[in-house]
Structure formats: C-alpha cells, structure tokens
Amino acid sequence: MSLFLVEYTYAPEKNPQRDEVRSDHRAWLADLVSRSIVLSSGPFADGNGALIIVDAADADTVSLLFTHDPFAIADLIEKVRITEWVPVLGQFSA
C-alpha cells in the first residue's frame, strides 16, 4: 500500500452547509479510521480546508473512495488535491 494526502479546499460561503453535514462527514471518516484506511485527518487552523492521510493502493482508488464523502456528495468541497506521499522519517515511515 501507499500513503496519499487528500487536501480539501473549502469555499467560505458554504460554511453553514458544511456545519449541517459535518457530523455525517466525520462519521464517514471515523469508519475509514476504524478500518485503517484513513490514518489521520483534520481541518486546517484557518478553516479553509482539511488534510486527510490515506493508506490505499493507488490514487484512483483514493479518488473513487472520496466521492462517497458526505461533503463531496453535498458539493461542499471547492477543490480536492490527491498526492502520493513517501514519508522517510517519523510515525508514518516504513
């Protein structure tokens, strides 16, 4: 498996809608954490996006998986960037 960084960028004008869907979004992520697919996730301190670390076979798998995020289904993500990541030191390194 490989690690991928999923970076969300949010549109500020959709903050109220995200607040309404946030509990479903976090429950969806929590399920992925319990299955060791998502290793860590959280919003950026400025509230303009989030970073999710994913353990998956390839970027296409990650892309397809994240179409099921309640935020994505509700069209609450302005931009998604998926980047393969190769950690060499620290907690996530092999």
Protein backbone atom coordinates (compact mmCIF):
# COMPACT_ATOMS: atom_id res chain seq x y z
CA MET A 1 0.00 0.00 0.00
CA SER A 2 0.95 3.62 -0.46
CA LEU A 3 0.15 6.75 1.51
CA PHE A 4 -1.77 9.60 -0.03
CA LEU A 5 -2.51 13.11 1.17
CA VAL A 6 -6.01 14.31 0.38
CA GLU A 7 -6.18 18.07 0.63
CA TYR A 8 -9.57 19.75 0.68
CA THR A 9 -10.08 23.44 -0.04
CA TYR A 10 -13.37 24.90 1.15
CA ALA A 11 -15.36 27.86 -0.16
CA PRO A 12 -16.09 30.12 2.85
CA GLU A 13 -19.62 30.86 1.63
CA LYS A 14 -20.50 27.18 2.12
CA ASN A 15 -19.52 27.11 5.83
CA PRO A 16 -23.15 26.97 7.04
CA GLN A 17 -23.90 23.97 4.80
CA ARG A 18 -20.72 22.19 5.94
CA ASP A 19 -21.77 22.73 9.55
CA GLU A 20 -25.03 20.89 8.77
CA VAL A 21 -23.23 17.90 7.17
CA ARG A 22 -20.13 17.81 9.41
CA SER A 23 -21.36 15.03 11.72
CA ASP A 24 -22.04 12.74 8.73
CA HIS A 25 -18.64 13.64 7.23
CA ARG A 26 -16.86 12.83 10.49
CA ALA A 27 -18.78 9.57 10.94
CA TRP A 28 -17.75 8.55 7.41
CA LEU A 29 -14.11 9.37 8.21
CA ALA A 30 -14.31 7.57 11.58
CA ASP A 31 -15.42 4.41 9.79
CA LEU A 32 -12.40 4.69 7.48
CA VAL A 33 -10.14 5.21 10.52
CA SER A 34 -11.58 2.08 12.17
CA ARG A 35 -10.70 0.13 9.00
CA SER A 36 -7.14 1.61 8.92
CA ILE A 37 -7.78 3.32 5.57
CA VAL A 38 -7.59 6.84 6.97
CA LEU A 39 -4.60 7.24 9.28
CA SER A 40 -5.27 10.81 10.37
CA SER A 41 -7.43 13.76 9.38
CA GLY A 42 -8.28 17.24 10.47
CA PRO A 43 -9.13 20.76 9.38
CA PHE A 44 -6.57 23.47 8.79
CA ALA A 45 -6.46 26.01 11.63
CA ASP A 46 -7.72 28.77 9.32
CA GLY A 47 -10.86 26.76 8.46
CA ASN A 48 -10.22 26.95 4.72
CA GLY A 49 -9.66 23.24 4.19
CA ALA A 50 -8.50 19.95 5.62
CA LEU A 51 -5.83 17.27 5.24
CA ILE A 52 -6.52 13.54 5.31
CA ILE A 53 -3.78 10.86 5.27
CA VAL A 54 -4.95 7.73 3.45
CA ASP A 55 -3.44 4.26 3.08
CA ALA A 56 -4.55 2.90 -0.30
CA ALA A 57 -3.38 1.01 -3.37
CA ASP A 58 -3.32 3.98 -5.76
CA ALA A 59 -4.60 7.49 -6.41
CA ASP A 60 -7.56 6.25 -8.48
CA THR A 61 -8.76 4.20 -5.51
CA VAL A 62 -8.49 7.24 -3.25
CA SER A 63 -10.29 9.44 -5.76
CA LEU A 64 -13.18 6.98 -6.06
CA LEU A 65 -13.37 6.48 -2.29
CA PHE A 66 -13.63 10.20 -1.61
CA THR A 67 -16.62 10.60 -3.92
CA HIS A 68 -18.54 8.93 -1.04
CA ASP A 69 -17.65 11.63 1.49
CA PRO A 70 -20.86 13.38 2.60
CA PHE A 71 -19.11 16.72 1.97
CA ALA A 72 -18.45 15.66 -1.64
CA ILE A 73 -21.99 14.33 -2.13
CA ALA A 74 -23.37 17.68 -0.91
CA ASP A 75 -20.95 19.60 -3.19
CA LEU A 76 -19.26 21.34 -0.25
CA ILE A 77 -15.63 20.97 -1.36
CA GLU A 78 -14.23 23.59 -3.70
CA LYS A 79 -11.08 21.66 -4.64
CA VAL A 80 -9.57 18.24 -3.92
CA ARG A 81 -5.88 17.51 -4.37
CA ILE A 82 -4.59 13.93 -4.03
CA THR A 83 -0.83 13.47 -3.73
CA GLU A 84 1.12 10.28 -3.18
CA TRP A 85 3.41 10.72 -0.19
CA VAL A 86 6.60 8.86 0.73
CA PRO A 87 7.45 9.55 4.38
CA VAL A 88 11.08 8.69 5.24
CA LEU A 89 11.17 9.64 8.94
CA GLY A 90 8.71 9.58 11.77
CA GLN A 91 5.45 7.91 12.61
CA PHE A 92 4.27 7.21 9.06
CA SER A 93 7.60 5.98 7.65
CA ALA A 94 8.11 2.27 6.95
